[in-house]
Amino acid sequence: MRRSREAQQAAVRASREVLDRAATRRDDAWRRAADDNRRRALTVAAVPFVIGFGVALVGIVVLPLLIVGLVLIIGWALIAAASWRSAVIGAGARIGGITASEAVDAGVLQGLAAERYQDVAESLCAALGLPVPRLLVLVDAAPNAMVSGVRPDEVRLLATSGLLSMVERIELEGVLAHELAHVKRLDTLSGGLSVALLHGGRLGLPGSARLASWLEGPNRELEADLATVRVTRYPPGLINALAGIDEAPSSVPSASVQTGLLADTASQWIVPLAELQPSRSRATSPADEGVFGITERLEVLREL
């Protein structure tokens, strides 16, 4: 009997060690992703300052260059500060949306779907150690979702009424886990800066589309898919949700979001709106890192 109890205790200790190692690896993955996104955002913000200082130093010898350098430093400081603030607040503040209860009152969402939206989000946030974001509904038949904002009081999770009405609970869990993974990974910082500074690659300057892709991070949506599976432990939930969105007549929420803002945030949705960013399509090719369409993402998930 004593040996049996000791064996049980040893098994419990071994199980705890396995779980602790898994949790450590998962936390390290979140931390590395957040550090990478923060590093890219800071690099984009800092490079013009470095150029400005370089010009100003040369200007010690050639006075006109000193003036140019100072103008560049001051001008970029204003632009960078405004863009960073906009990224922290997130594009969701401009997109808008209504609360789930307001959607129920308006008759565009059933009460059960609204309750499920709140319950699943709260459960996932508890698991991820995140504050519950503002949960908003876009009155739109096109199924899609996105998240924006960095500060806890500014994070907004947007889901269309078409998506919330379409998915089952396990599929909704996959969608919301995907979006919350973007918050945990700080994708919302680099992606928000891409929108604020480069209009998502539509700025019109040479190289802006490729710079936006780099800033948002390699394989952004695929990495969030994989992070989702680490949280939910159930790939079919996300697979079914993505397949349902892909099979819908349109995933572009054009009835609820302004066209220009849709184009700026096209890469930020769970199923990106590639047709609204032709400049990004021309700037990349299937061989480029970070170009994973919905078909490729589903293939990867089905292999898990």
C-alpha atoms as a PDB file:
ATOM      1  CA  MET A   1       0.000   0.000   0.000  1.00  0.00           C
ATOM      2  CA  ARG A   2       2.832   2.337   0.905  1.00  0.00           C
ATOM      3  CA  ARG A   3       4.597   1.614  -2.382  1.00  0.00           C
ATOM      4  CA  SER A   4       1.388   2.301  -4.294  1.00  0.00           C
ATOM      5  CA  ARG A   5       0.988   5.679  -2.564  1.00  0.00           C
ATOM      6  CA  GLU A   6       4.602   6.582  -3.269  1.00  0.00           C
ATOM      7  CA  ALA A   7       4.155   5.612  -6.931  1.00  0.00           C
ATOM      8  CA  GLN A   8       1.057   7.803  -7.152  1.00  0.00           C
ATOM      9  CA  GLN A   9       2.898  10.756  -5.620  1.00  0.00           C
ATOM     10  CA  ALA A  10       5.808  10.238  -8.015  1.00  0.00           C
ATOM     11  CA  ALA A  11       3.384  10.188 -10.966  1.00  0.00           C
ATOM     12  CA  VAL A  12       1.769  13.405  -9.731  1.00  0.00           C
ATOM     13  CA  ARG A  13       5.173  15.099  -9.409  1.00  0.00           C
ATOM     14  CA  ALA A  14       6.167  13.936 -12.894  1.00  0.00           C
ATOM     15  CA  SER A  15       2.900  15.208 -14.348  1.00  0.00           C
ATOM     16  CA  ARG A  16       3.361  18.577 -12.676  1.00  0.00           C
ATOM     17  CA  GLU A  17       6.873  18.849 -14.057  1.00  0.00           C
ATOM     18  CA  VAL A  18       5.607  18.126 -17.579  1.00  0.00           C
ATOM     19  CA  LEU A  19       2.849  20.727 -17.225  1.00  0.00           C
ATOM     20  CA  ASP A  20       5.280  23.290 -15.783  1.00  0.00           C
ATOM     21  CA  ARG A  21       7.709  22.767 -18.675  1.00  0.00           C
ATOM     22  CA  ALA A  22       4.873  23.103 -21.200  1.00  0.00           C
ATOM     23  CA  ALA A  23       3.665  26.309 -19.520  1.00  0.00           C
ATOM     24  CA  THR A  24       7.214  27.697 -19.523  1.00  0.00           C
ATOM     25  CA  ARG A  25       7.648  26.965 -23.242  1.00  0.00           C
ATOM     26  CA  ARG A  26       4.276  28.555 -23.983  1.00  0.00           C
ATOM     27  CA  ASP A  27       5.093  31.669 -21.943  1.00  0.00           C
ATOM     28  CA  ASP A  28       8.502  31.920 -23.629  1.00  0.00           C
ATOM     29  CA  ALA A  29       6.791  31.762 -27.043  1.00  0.00           C
ATOM     30  CA  TRP A  30       4.428  34.605 -26.094  1.00  0.00           C
ATOM     31  CA  ARG A  31       7.335  36.651 -24.749  1.00  0.00           C
ATOM     32  CA  ARG A  32       9.517  36.156 -27.829  1.00  0.00           C
ATOM     33  CA  ALA A  33       6.678  37.111 -30.156  1.00  0.00           C
ATOM     34  CA  ALA A  34       5.907  40.241 -28.122  1.00  0.00           C
ATOM     35  CA  ASP A  35       9.592  41.213 -28.051  1.00  0.00           C
ATOM     36  CA  ASP A  36       9.875  40.750 -31.828  1.00  0.00           C
ATOM     37  CA  ASN A  37       6.833  42.931 -32.480  1.00  0.00           C
ATOM     38  CA  ARG A  38       8.033  45.605 -30.071  1.00  0.00           C
ATOM     39  CA  ARG A  39      11.493  45.552 -31.680  1.00  0.00           C
ATOM     40  CA  ARG A  40      10.109  46.012 -35.210  1.00  0.00           C
ATOM     41  CA  ALA A  41       7.855  48.855 -34.088  1.00  0.00           C
ATOM     42  CA  LEU A  42      10.708  50.624 -32.318  1.00  0.00           C
ATOM     43  CA  THR A  43      13.000  50.126 -35.330  1.00  0.00           C
ATOM     44  CA  VAL A  44      10.535  51.770 -37.700  1.00  0.00           C
ATOM     45  CA  ALA A  45      10.064  54.625 -35.251  1.00  0.00           C
ATOM     46  CA  ALA A  46      13.804  55.109 -34.587  1.00  0.00           C
ATOM     47  CA  VAL A  47      15.439  54.869 -38.026  1.00  0.00           C
ATOM     48  CA  PRO A  48      14.386  58.378 -39.220  1.00  0.00           C
ATOM     49  CA  PHE A  49      15.786  59.787 -35.946  1.00  0.00           C
ATOM     50  CA  VAL A  50      19.133  58.143 -36.667  1.00  0.00           C
ATOM     51  CA  ILE A  51      19.134  59.610 -40.175  1.00  0.00           C
ATOM     52  CA  GLY A  52      18.239  63.027 -38.790  1.00  0.00           C
ATOM     53  CA  PHE A  53      21.071  62.914 -36.248  1.00  0.00           C
ATOM     54  CA  GLY A  54      23.479  61.824 -38.968  1.00  0.00           C
ATOM     55  CA  VAL A  55      22.498  64.759 -41.181  1.00  0.00           C
ATOM     56  CA  ALA A  56      22.724  67.117 -38.211  1.00  0.00           C
ATOM     57  CA  LEU A  57      26.242  65.910 -37.392  1.00  0.00           C
ATOM     58  CA  VAL A  58      27.346  66.516 -40.954  1.00  0.00           C
ATOM     59  CA  GLY A  59      25.695  69.904 -40.578  1.00  0.00           C
ATOM     60  CA  ILE A  60      28.287  70.888 -38.010  1.00  0.00           C
ATOM     61  CA  VAL A  61      30.523  71.406 -41.025  1.00  0.00           C
ATOM     62  CA  VAL A  62      27.829  72.357 -43.552  1.00  0.00           C
ATOM     63  CA  LEU A  63      25.351  74.628 -41.762  1.00  0.00           C
ATOM     64  CA  PRO A  64      22.341  74.084 -44.091  1.00  0.00           C
ATOM     65  CA  LEU A  65      22.471  70.340 -43.356  1.00  0.00           C
ATOM     66  CA  LEU A  66      22.284  71.088 -39.638  1.00  0.00           C
ATOM     67  CA  ILE A  67      18.990  72.862 -40.213  1.00  0.00           C
ATOM     68  CA  VAL A  68      17.715  70.002 -42.387  1.00  0.00           C
ATOM     69  CA  GLY A  69      18.694  67.474 -39.724  1.00  0.00           C
ATOM     70  CA  LEU A  70      16.955  69.380 -36.951  1.00  0.00           C
ATOM     71  CA  VAL A  71      13.808  69.793 -39.053  1.00  0.00           C
ATOM     72  CA  LEU A  72      13.840  66.072 -39.823  1.00  0.00           C
ATOM     73  CA  ILE A  73      14.270  65.159 -36.143  1.00  0.00           C
ATOM     74  CA  ILE A  74      11.526  67.480 -34.896  1.00  0.00           C
ATOM     75  CA  GLY A  75       9.137  66.663 -37.737  1.00  0.00           C
ATOM     76  CA  TRP A  76       9.558  62.929 -37.351  1.00  0.00           C
ATOM     77  CA  ALA A  77       9.181  63.193 -33.575  1.00  0.00           C
ATOM     78  CA  LEU A  78       5.732  64.684 -34.072  1.00  0.00           C
ATOM     79  CA  ILE A  79       4.741  62.095 -36.694  1.00  0.00           C
ATOM     80  CA  ALA A  80       6.094  59.159 -34.681  1.00  0.00           C
ATOM     81  CA  ALA A  81       4.385  60.303 -31.475  1.00  0.00           C
ATOM     82  CA  ALA A  82       1.022  60.708 -33.206  1.00  0.00           C
ATOM     83  CA  SER A  83       1.356  57.360 -35.009  1.00  0.00           C
ATOM     84  CA  TRP A  84       2.395  55.524 -31.845  1.00  0.00           C
ATOM     85  CA  ARG A  85      -0.551  56.972 -29.941  1.00  0.00           C
ATOM     86  CA  SER A  86      -2.879  55.957 -32.760  1.00  0.00           C
ATOM     87  CA  ALA A  87      -1.433  52.425 -32.718  1.00  0.00           C
ATOM     88  CA  VAL A  88      -1.910  52.128 -28.961  1.00  0.00           C
ATOM     89  CA  ILE A  89      -5.537  53.240 -29.229  1.00  0.00           C
ATOM     90  CA  GLY A  90      -6.091  51.076 -32.313  1.00  0.00           C
ATOM     91  CA  ALA A  91      -8.162  51.362 -35.458  1.00  0.00           C
ATOM     92  CA  GLY A  92     -11.105  49.793 -33.669  1.00  0.00           C
ATOM     93  CA  ALA A  93     -11.827  53.150 -32.076  1.00  0.00           C
ATOM     94  CA  ARG A  94     -12.478  54.572 -35.544  1.00  0.00           C
ATOM     95  CA  ILE A  95     -14.337  51.521 -36.811  1.00  0.00           C
ATOM     96  CA  GLY A  96     -16.874  51.726 -34.001  1.00  0.00           C
ATOM     97  CA  GLY A  97     -19.425  48.992 -33.407  1.00  0.00           C
ATOM     98  CA  ILE A  98     -22.086  48.391 -30.770  1.00  0.00           C
ATOM     99  CA  THR A  99     -22.182  46.234 -27.659  1.00  0.00           C
ATOM    100  CA  ALA A 100     -23.623  42.746 -27.796  1.00  0.00           C
ATOM    101  CA  SER A 101     -26.604  43.805 -25.677  1.00  0.00           C
ATOM    102  CA  GLU A 102     -27.296  46.702 -28.048  1.00  0.00           C
ATOM    103  CA  ALA A 103     -27.126  44.258 -30.964  1.00  0.00           C
ATOM    104  CA  VAL A 104     -29.710  42.063 -29.231  1.00  0.00           C
ATOM    105  CA  ASP A 105     -31.972  45.060 -28.595  1.00  0.00           C
ATOM    106  CA  ALA A 106     -31.631  46.046 -32.262  1.00  0.00           C
ATOM    107  CA  GLY A 107     -32.695  42.564 -33.317  1.00  0.00           C
ATOM    108  CA  VAL A 108     -29.499  41.793 -35.254  1.00  0.00           C
ATOM    109  CA  LEU A 109     -28.179  39.212 -32.777  1.00  0.00           C
ATOM    110  CA  GLN A 110     -29.848  36.529 -30.713  1.00  0.00           C
ATOM    111  CA  GLY A 111     -29.477  36.647 -26.951  1.00  0.00           C
ATOM    112  CA  LEU A 112     -27.763  33.258 -26.838  1.00  0.00           C
ATOM    113  CA  ALA A 113     -25.112  34.391 -29.334  1.00  0.00           C
ATOM    114  CA  ALA A 114     -24.462  37.550 -27.310  1.00  0.00           C
ATOM    115  CA  GLU A 115     -24.085  35.595 -24.061  1.00  0.00           C
ATOM    116  CA  ARG A 116     -21.790  33.094 -25.754  1.00  0.00           C
ATOM    117  CA  TYR A 117     -19.624  35.937 -27.083  1.00  0.00           C
ATOM    118  CA  GLN A 118     -19.157  37.315 -23.556  1.00  0.00           C
ATOM    119  CA  ASP A 119     -18.697  33.944 -21.832  1.00  0.00           C
ATOM    120  CA  VAL A 120     -16.121  32.583 -24.283  1.00  0.00           C
ATOM    121  CA  ALA A 121     -14.125  35.829 -24.281  1.00  0.00           C
ATOM    122  CA  GLU A 122     -14.018  35.936 -20.476  1.00  0.00           C
ATOM    123  CA  SER A 123     -12.906  32.298 -20.246  1.00  0.00           C
ATOM    124  CA  LEU A 124     -10.123  32.782 -22.782  1.00  0.00           C
ATOM    125  CA  CYS A 125      -8.910  35.990 -21.149  1.00  0.00           C
ATOM    126  CA  ALA A 126      -8.689  34.173 -17.807  1.00  0.00           C
ATOM    127  CA  ALA A 127      -6.635  31.425 -19.450  1.00  0.00           C
ATOM    128  CA  LEU A 128      -4.346  33.917 -21.197  1.00  0.00           C
ATOM    129  CA  GLY A 129      -3.970  36.297 -18.270  1.00  0.00           C
ATOM    130  CA  LEU A 130      -5.490  39.190 -20.208  1.00  0.00           C
ATOM    131  CA  PRO A 131      -8.091  41.767 -19.158  1.00  0.00           C
ATOM    132  CA  VAL A 132     -11.375  41.302 -20.995  1.00  0.00           C
ATOM    133  CA  PRO A 133     -11.367  43.760 -23.933  1.00  0.00           C
ATOM    134  CA  ARG A 134     -14.315  45.806 -25.111  1.00  0.00           C
ATOM    135  CA  LEU A 135     -16.441  43.314 -27.013  1.00  0.00           C
ATOM    136  CA  LEU A 136     -18.156  45.008 -29.940  1.00  0.00           C
ATOM    137  CA  VAL A 137     -20.426  43.876 -32.733  1.00  0.00           C
ATOM    138  CA  LEU A 138     -20.380  45.194 -36.300  1.00  0.00           C
ATOM    139  CA  VAL A 139     -23.834  44.950 -37.829  1.00  0.00           C
ATOM    140  CA  ASP A 140     -22.783  43.212 -41.021  1.00  0.00           C
ATOM    141  CA  ALA A 141     -23.675  39.928 -42.708  1.00  0.00           C
ATOM    142  CA  ALA A 142     -20.076  39.310 -43.822  1.00  0.00           C
ATOM    143  CA  PRO A 143     -18.427  36.998 -41.259  1.00  0.00           C
ATOM    144  CA  ASN A 144     -15.113  38.338 -39.971  1.00  0.00           C
ATOM    145  CA  ALA A 145     -13.369  39.617 -36.828  1.00  0.00           C
ATOM    146  CA  MET A 146     -10.412  41.725 -35.759  1.00  0.00           C
ATOM    147  CA  VAL A 147      -8.804  43.133 -32.636  1.00  0.00           C
ATOM    148  CA  SER A 148      -6.984  46.428 -32.117  1.00  0.00           C
ATOM    149  CA  GLY A 149      -5.383  48.464 -29.373  1.00  0.00           C
ATOM    150  CA  VAL A 150      -2.527  47.869 -26.956  1.00  0.00           C
ATOM    151  CA  ARG A 151      -3.430  49.349 -23.570  1.00  0.00           C
ATOM    152  CA  PRO A 152      -5.930  47.181 -21.668  1.00  0.00           C
ATOM    153  CA  ASP A 153      -8.494  49.992 -21.616  1.00  0.00           C
ATOM    154  CA  GLU A 154      -8.117  50.552 -25.351  1.00  0.00           C
ATOM    155  CA  VAL A 155      -8.263  46.977 -26.694  1.00  0.00           C
ATOM    156  CA  ARG A 156     -11.363  46.392 -28.807  1.00  0.00           C
ATOM    157  CA  LEU A 157     -12.430  43.033 -30.168  1.00  0.00           C
ATOM    158  CA  LEU A 158     -14.751  43.419 -33.139  1.00  0.00           C
ATOM    159  CA  ALA A 159     -16.880  40.608 -34.539  1.00  0.00           C
ATOM    160  CA  THR A 160     -19.551  40.960 -37.191  1.00  0.00           C
ATOM    161  CA  SER A 161     -23.106  39.915 -36.466  1.00  0.00           C
ATOM    162  CA  GLY A 162     -22.769  37.565 -39.435  1.00  0.00           C
ATOM    163  CA  LEU A 163     -19.872  35.755 -37.764  1.00  0.00           C
ATOM    164  CA  LEU A 164     -21.500  35.537 -34.325  1.00  0.00           C
ATOM    165  CA  SER A 165     -24.678  34.161 -35.851  1.00  0.00           C
ATOM    166  CA  MET A 166     -22.794  31.624 -37.990  1.00  0.00           C
ATOM    167  CA  VAL A 167     -20.365  29.933 -35.590  1.00  0.00           C
ATOM    168  CA  GLU A 168     -20.972  27.334 -32.901  1.00  0.00           C
ATOM    169  CA  ARG A 169     -19.425  27.778 -29.461  1.00  0.00           C
ATOM    170  CA  ILE A 170     -16.314  25.700 -30.188  1.00  0.00           C
ATOM    171  CA  GLU A 171     -15.759  27.617 -33.435  1.00  0.00           C
ATOM    172  CA  LEU A 172     -16.233  30.954 -31.668  1.00  0.00           C
ATOM    173  CA  GLU A 173     -13.613  29.867 -29.150  1.00  0.00           C
ATOM    174  CA  GLY A 174     -11.157  29.379 -32.006  1.00  0.00           C
ATOM    175  CA  VAL A 175     -11.921  32.794 -33.491  1.00  0.00           C
ATOM    176  CA  LEU A 176     -11.667  34.692 -30.208  1.00  0.00           C
ATOM    177  CA  ALA A 177      -8.535  32.807 -29.128  1.00  0.00           C
ATOM    178  CA  HIS A 178      -6.950  33.808 -32.456  1.00  0.00           C
ATOM    179  CA  GLU A 179      -7.767  37.473 -31.905  1.00  0.00           C
ATOM    180  CA  LEU A 180      -6.670  37.466 -28.264  1.00  0.00           C
ATOM    181  CA  ALA A 181      -3.422  35.789 -29.333  1.00  0.00           C
ATOM    182  CA  HIS A 182      -2.718  38.937 -31.371  1.00  0.00           C
ATOM    183  CA  VAL A 183      -3.061  40.969 -28.168  1.00  0.00           C
ATOM    184  CA  LYS A 184      -0.839  38.602 -26.184  1.00  0.00           C
ATOM    185  CA  ARG A 185       1.804  38.585 -28.937  1.00  0.00           C
ATOM    186  CA  LEU A 186       1.671  42.418 -29.298  1.00  0.00           C
ATOM    187  CA  ASP A 187       0.676  42.025 -32.938  1.00  0.00           C
ATOM    188  CA  THR A 188      -1.736  44.852 -32.214  1.00  0.00           C
ATOM    189  CA  LEU A 189       1.209  47.216 -31.653  1.00  0.00           C
ATOM    190  CA  SER A 190       3.104  46.460 -34.860  1.00  0.00           C
ATOM    191  CA  GLY A 191      -0.111  46.095 -36.859  1.00  0.00           C
ATOM    192  CA  GLY A 192      -1.542  49.275 -35.397  1.00  0.00           C
ATOM    193  CA  LEU A 193       1.619  51.190 -36.283  1.00  0.00           C
ATOM    194  CA  SER A 194       1.403  49.803 -39.818  1.00  0.00           C
ATOM    195  CA  VAL A 195      -2.119  51.207 -40.108  1.00  0.00           C
ATOM    196  CA  ALA A 196      -1.307  54.543 -38.458  1.00  0.00           C
ATOM    197  CA  LEU A 197       1.996  55.228 -40.212  1.00  0.00           C
ATOM    198  CA  LEU A 198       1.724  53.398 -43.537  1.00  0.00           C
ATOM    199  CA  HIS A 199      -2.047  52.993 -44.000  1.00  0.00           C
ATOM    200  CA  GLY A 200      -1.450  49.254 -44.044  1.00  0.00           C
ATOM    201  CA  GLY A 201       0.950  49.572 -46.980  1.00  0.00           C
ATOM    202  CA  ARG A 202      -1.266  51.888 -49.043  1.00  0.00           C
ATOM    203  CA  LEU A 203       0.783  55.010 -48.347  1.00  0.00           C
ATOM    204  CA  GLY A 204       1.862  55.261 -51.969  1.00  0.00           C
ATOM    205  CA  LEU A 205       5.573  55.649 -51.269  1.00  0.00           C
ATOM    206  CA  PRO A 206       8.010  53.172 -52.844  1.00  0.00           C
ATOM    207  CA  GLY A 207       8.491  50.177 -50.589  1.00  0.00           C
ATOM    208  CA  SER A 208       5.667  51.079 -48.186  1.00  0.00           C
ATOM    209  CA  ALA A 209       3.752  47.861 -48.907  1.00  0.00           C
ATOM    210  CA  ARG A 210       6.790  45.693 -48.224  1.00  0.00           C
ATOM    211  CA  LEU A 211       7.674  47.730 -45.125  1.00  0.00           C
ATOM    212  CA  ALA A 212       4.126  47.264 -43.811  1.00  0.00           C
ATOM    213  CA  SER A 213       4.405  43.495 -44.316  1.00  0.00           C
ATOM    214  CA  TRP A 214       7.717  43.417 -42.466  1.00  0.00           C
ATOM    215  CA  LEU A 215       6.408  45.583 -39.638  1.00  0.00           C
ATOM    216  CA  GLU A 216       3.343  43.416 -39.098  1.00  0.00           C
ATOM    217  CA  GLY A 217       5.599  40.394 -38.812  1.00  0.00           C
ATOM    218  CA  PRO A 218       6.276  37.219 -40.773  1.00  0.00           C
ATOM    219  CA  ASN A 219       3.363  34.800 -40.999  1.00  0.00           C
ATOM    220  CA  ARG A 220       1.236  37.027 -38.752  1.00  0.00           C
ATOM    221  CA  GLU A 221      -2.079  35.198 -39.184  1.00  0.00           C
ATOM    222  CA  LEU A 222      -0.580  31.718 -39.357  1.00  0.00           C
ATOM    223  CA  GLU A 223       1.375  32.316 -36.148  1.00  0.00           C
ATOM    224  CA  ALA A 224      -1.845  33.451 -34.443  1.00  0.00           C
ATOM    225  CA  ASP A 225      -3.543  30.271 -35.743  1.00  0.00           C
ATOM    226  CA  LEU A 226      -0.835  28.119 -34.166  1.00  0.00           C
ATOM    227  CA  ALA A 227      -1.003  30.102 -30.928  1.00  0.00           C
ATOM    228  CA  THR A 228      -4.763  29.515 -30.907  1.00  0.00           C
ATOM    229  CA  VAL A 229      -4.289  25.750 -31.035  1.00  0.00           C
ATOM    230  CA  ARG A 230      -1.826  25.936 -28.136  1.00  0.00           C
ATOM    231  CA  VAL A 231      -4.582  27.599 -26.103  1.00  0.00           C
ATOM    232  CA  THR A 232      -7.689  25.676 -27.182  1.00  0.00           C
ATOM    233  CA  ARG A 233      -6.009  22.304 -27.895  1.00  0.00           C
ATOM    234  CA  TYR A 234      -8.655  21.746 -30.573  1.00  0.00           C
ATOM    235  CA  PRO A 235      -7.684  22.627 -34.168  1.00  0.00           C
ATOM    236  CA  PRO A 236     -11.085  21.676 -35.704  1.00  0.00           C
ATOM    237  CA  GLY A 237     -12.754  24.606 -33.937  1.00  0.00           C
ATOM    238  CA  LEU A 238     -10.635  27.196 -35.733  1.00  0.00           C
ATOM    239  CA  ILE A 239     -10.551  25.142 -38.941  1.00  0.00           C
ATOM    240  CA  ASN A 240     -14.344  25.054 -39.180  1.00  0.00           C
ATOM    241  CA  ALA A 241     -14.632  28.760 -38.409  1.00  0.00           C
ATOM    242  CA  LEU A 242     -12.057  29.771 -41.046  1.00  0.00           C
ATOM    243  CA  ALA A 243     -13.594  27.428 -43.623  1.00  0.00           C
ATOM    244  CA  GLY A 244     -17.044  28.899 -42.937  1.00  0.00           C
ATOM    245  CA  ILE A 245     -15.752  32.442 -43.393  1.00  0.00           C
ATOM    246  CA  ASP A 246     -13.946  31.442 -46.586  1.00  0.00           C
ATOM    247  CA  GLU A 247     -17.094  29.838 -48.004  1.00  0.00           C
ATOM    248  CA  ALA A 248     -19.279  32.880 -47.296  1.00  0.00           C
ATOM    249  CA  PRO A 249     -20.281  35.051 -50.282  1.00  0.00           C
ATOM    250  CA  SER A 250     -18.029  37.801 -48.898  1.00  0.00           C
ATOM    251  CA  SER A 251     -15.891  38.296 -45.807  1.00  0.00           C
ATOM    252  CA  VAL A 252     -15.568  42.064 -46.361  1.00  0.00           C
ATOM    253  CA  PRO A 253     -17.685  43.982 -43.799  1.00  0.00           C
ATOM    254  CA  SER A 254     -18.322  46.817 -46.235  1.00  0.00           C
ATOM    255  CA  ALA A 255     -21.797  47.561 -44.855  1.00  0.00           C
ATOM    256  CA  SER A 256     -20.409  48.582 -41.454  1.00  0.00           C
ATOM    257  CA  VAL A 257     -16.876  49.938 -42.061  1.00  0.00           C
ATOM    258  CA  GLN A 258     -15.797  52.822 -44.295  1.00  0.00           C
ATOM    259  CA  THR A 259     -14.005  51.751 -47.467  1.00  0.00           C
ATOM    260  CA  GLY A 260     -10.769  53.619 -46.716  1.00  0.00           C
ATOM    261  CA  LEU A 261     -10.549  52.253 -43.190  1.00  0.00           C
ATOM    262  CA  LEU A 262     -11.303  48.762 -44.468  1.00  0.00           C
ATOM    263  CA  ALA A 263      -8.428  49.020 -46.926  1.00  0.00           C
ATOM    264  CA  ASP A 264      -6.059  50.335 -44.222  1.00  0.00           C
ATOM    265  CA  THR A 265      -6.905  47.459 -41.874  1.00  0.00           C
ATOM    266  CA  ALA A 266      -7.308  44.777 -44.555  1.00  0.00           C
ATOM    267  CA  SER A 267      -4.444  42.658 -43.215  1.00  0.00           C
ATOM    268  CA  GLN A 268      -5.686  42.861 -39.613  1.00  0.00           C
ATOM    269  CA  TRP A 269      -8.843  40.730 -39.988  1.00  0.00           C
ATOM    270  CA  ILE A 270      -8.873  37.025 -39.144  1.00  0.00           C
ATOM    271  CA  VAL A 271      -9.446  36.423 -42.869  1.00  0.00           C
ATOM    272  CA  PRO A 272      -7.520  39.331 -44.442  1.00  0.00           C
ATOM    273  CA  LEU A 273      -9.232  41.385 -47.134  1.00  0.00           C
ATOM    274  CA  ALA A 274      -6.589  40.842 -49.804  1.00  0.00           C
ATOM    275  CA  GLU A 275      -8.753  42.266 -52.578  1.00  0.00           C
ATOM    276  CA  LEU A 276      -8.638  45.669 -50.861  1.00  0.00           C
ATOM    277  CA  GLN A 277      -4.837  45.815 -50.803  1.00  0.00           C
ATOM    278  CA  PRO A 278      -3.635  45.203 -54.372  1.00  0.00           C
ATOM    279  CA  SER A 279      -0.422  47.074 -53.594  1.00  0.00           C
ATOM    280  CA  ARG A 280       0.435  44.455 -50.975  1.00  0.00           C
ATOM    281  CA  SER A 281      -0.268  41.658 -53.453  1.00  0.00           C
ATOM    282  CA  ARG A 282       2.045  43.230 -56.013  1.00  0.00           C
ATOM    283  CA  ALA A 283       4.769  43.779 -53.421  1.00  0.00           C
ATOM    284  CA  THR A 284       4.867  40.141 -52.389  1.00  0.00           C
ATOM    285  CA  SER A 285       4.838  36.750 -53.982  1.00  0.00           C
ATOM    286  CA  PRO A 286       3.864  33.292 -52.693  1.00  0.00           C
ATOM    287  CA  ALA A 287       7.543  32.588 -52.117  1.00  0.00           C
ATOM    288  CA  ASP A 288       7.858  35.562 -49.756  1.00  0.00           C
ATOM    289  CA  GLU A 289       7.827  34.862 -46.038  1.00  0.00           C
ATOM    290  CA  GLY A 290       4.568  35.900 -44.481  1.00  0.00           C
ATOM    291  CA  VAL A 291       2.319  35.217 -47.472  1.00  0.00           C
ATOM    292  CA  PHE A 292      -0.136  32.557 -46.328  1.00  0.00           C
ATOM    293  CA  GLY A 293      -3.607  32.555 -47.802  1.00  0.00           C
ATOM    294  CA  ILE A 294      -6.601  30.952 -46.163  1.00  0.00           C
ATOM    295  CA  THR A 295      -6.049  27.715 -48.120  1.00  0.00           C
ATOM    296  CA  GLU A 296      -2.475  27.361 -46.873  1.00  0.00           C
ATOM    297  CA  ARG A 297      -3.491  28.202 -43.297  1.00  0.00           C
ATOM    298  CA  LEU A 298      -6.189  25.519 -43.338  1.00  0.00           C
ATOM    299  CA  GLU A 299      -3.728  22.971 -44.713  1.00  0.00           C
ATOM    300  CA  VAL A 300      -1.279  23.702 -41.877  1.00  0.00           C
ATOM    301  CA  LEU A 301      -4.011  23.453 -39.241  1.00  0.00           C
ATOM    302  CA  ARG A 302      -5.272  20.156 -40.619  1.00  0.00           C
ATOM    303  CA  GLU A 303      -1.798  18.697 -40.238  1.00  0.00           C
ATOM    304  CA  LEU A 304      -1.792  19.347 -36.477  1.00  0.00           C
END
